[in-house]
Amino acid sequence: MFKHKDRIESQLPFEIIWERLDNRKAARIKYESNLKIKKKLGSWNTKDGWDERIKWYTESMKPFYSVIYPIWDEVYDEVKST
């Protein structure tokens, strides 16, 4: 996936974090809300913030997965064929 980093990042409307997981056969690509958004969304600990957090999550994950999954399929096919 990392070799597609520029392609992925150019298609997303937000910044993502690439984490190498040393001593594992995996890595992590993630998106986190910034502090300003976190304060606006409230807490997971009370139901008051749940609706806004769920809305943020679903709205954020749609573009994330629409970009990541097609590339993931390509990478999977590449790996599978080797």
Protein backbone atom coordinates (compact mmCIF):
# COMPACT_ATOMS: atom_id res chain seq x y z
CA MET A 1 0.00 0.00 0.00
CA PHE A 2 2.84 2.36 0.81
CA LYS A 3 4.00 2.42 -2.79
CA HIS A 4 0.56 3.94 -3.58
CA LYS A 5 0.88 6.56 -0.83
CA ASP A 6 0.93 9.60 -3.14
CA ARG A 7 -2.03 8.31 -5.12
CA ILE A 8 -4.05 7.63 -1.97
CA GLU A 9 -3.24 10.95 -0.32
CA SER A 10 -4.01 12.94 -3.46
CA GLN A 11 -7.52 11.48 -3.60
CA LEU A 12 -8.48 12.06 0.04
CA PRO A 13 -9.98 15.32 1.33
CA PHE A 14 -8.05 14.96 4.62
CA GLU A 15 -4.63 13.94 5.90
CA ILE A 16 -4.00 10.32 6.89
CA ILE A 17 -1.39 8.74 9.15
CA TRP A 18 0.88 5.93 7.96
CA GLU A 19 2.17 3.72 10.76
CA ARG A 20 4.79 1.08 10.24
CA LEU A 21 4.30 -1.80 12.66
CA ASP A 22 7.77 -3.16 13.22
CA ASN A 23 8.12 -6.91 13.69
CA ARG A 24 4.72 -7.50 12.07
CA LYS A 25 3.51 -8.37 8.60
CA ALA A 26 1.16 -5.41 8.71
CA ALA A 27 1.06 -1.64 8.77
CA ARG A 28 -1.66 0.84 9.64
CA ILE A 29 -3.29 3.61 7.64
CA LYS A 30 -5.56 5.77 9.74
CA TYR A 31 -7.42 9.00 9.93
CA GLU A 32 -7.96 10.80 13.21
CA SER A 33 -10.10 13.79 13.96
CA ASN A 34 -8.12 16.83 14.99
CA LEU A 35 -8.45 18.44 18.42
CA LYS A 36 -10.89 21.10 17.17
CA ILE A 37 -13.22 18.42 15.80
CA LYS A 38 -12.85 16.26 18.92
CA LYS A 39 -13.95 19.14 21.16
CA LYS A 40 -16.95 19.81 18.93
CA LEU A 41 -18.02 16.18 18.93
CA GLY A 42 -18.21 15.71 22.66
CA SER A 43 -17.42 12.55 24.56
CA TRP A 44 -18.02 8.87 23.78
CA ASN A 45 -18.63 8.48 27.53
CA THR A 46 -22.01 10.20 27.39
CA LYS A 47 -24.84 9.63 24.95
CA ASP A 48 -25.00 13.39 24.29
CA GLY A 49 -22.03 13.17 21.92
CA TRP A 50 -22.88 9.91 20.16
CA ASP A 51 -25.01 11.24 17.32
CA GLU A 52 -22.43 13.85 16.28
CA ARG A 53 -19.56 11.36 16.56
CA ILE A 54 -21.41 8.74 14.53
CA LYS A 55 -22.22 11.35 11.89
CA TRP A 56 -18.56 12.46 11.73
CA TYR A 57 -17.37 8.87 11.53
CA THR A 58 -19.72 7.84 8.72
CA GLU A 59 -19.05 11.01 6.73
CA SER A 60 -15.29 10.59 7.14
CA MET A 61 -15.10 6.91 6.41
CA LYS A 62 -17.02 7.06 3.12
CA PRO A 63 -14.22 8.87 1.25
CA PHE A 64 -11.55 6.92 3.14
CA TYR A 65 -12.89 3.53 2.10
CA SER A 66 -13.86 4.63 -1.41
CA VAL A 67 -10.19 5.47 -2.02
CA ILE A 68 -8.53 2.71 0.02
CA TYR A 69 -10.52 -0.36 -1.06
CA PRO A 70 -9.93 -0.19 -4.83
CA ILE A 71 -6.20 0.19 -4.23
CA TRP A 72 -6.28 -2.54 -1.60
CA ASP A 73 -7.84 -4.86 -4.18
CA GLU A 74 -5.04 -4.05 -6.64
CA VAL A 75 -2.36 -4.70 -4.01
CA TYR A 76 -4.05 -7.91 -2.92
CA ASP A 77 -4.12 -9.16 -6.51
CA GLU A 78 -0.43 -8.24 -6.94
CA VAL A 79 0.56 -10.09 -3.78
CA LYS A 80 -1.61 -13.09 -4.57
CA SER A 81 -0.07 -13.49 -8.02
CA THR A 82 3.53 -13.58 -6.73
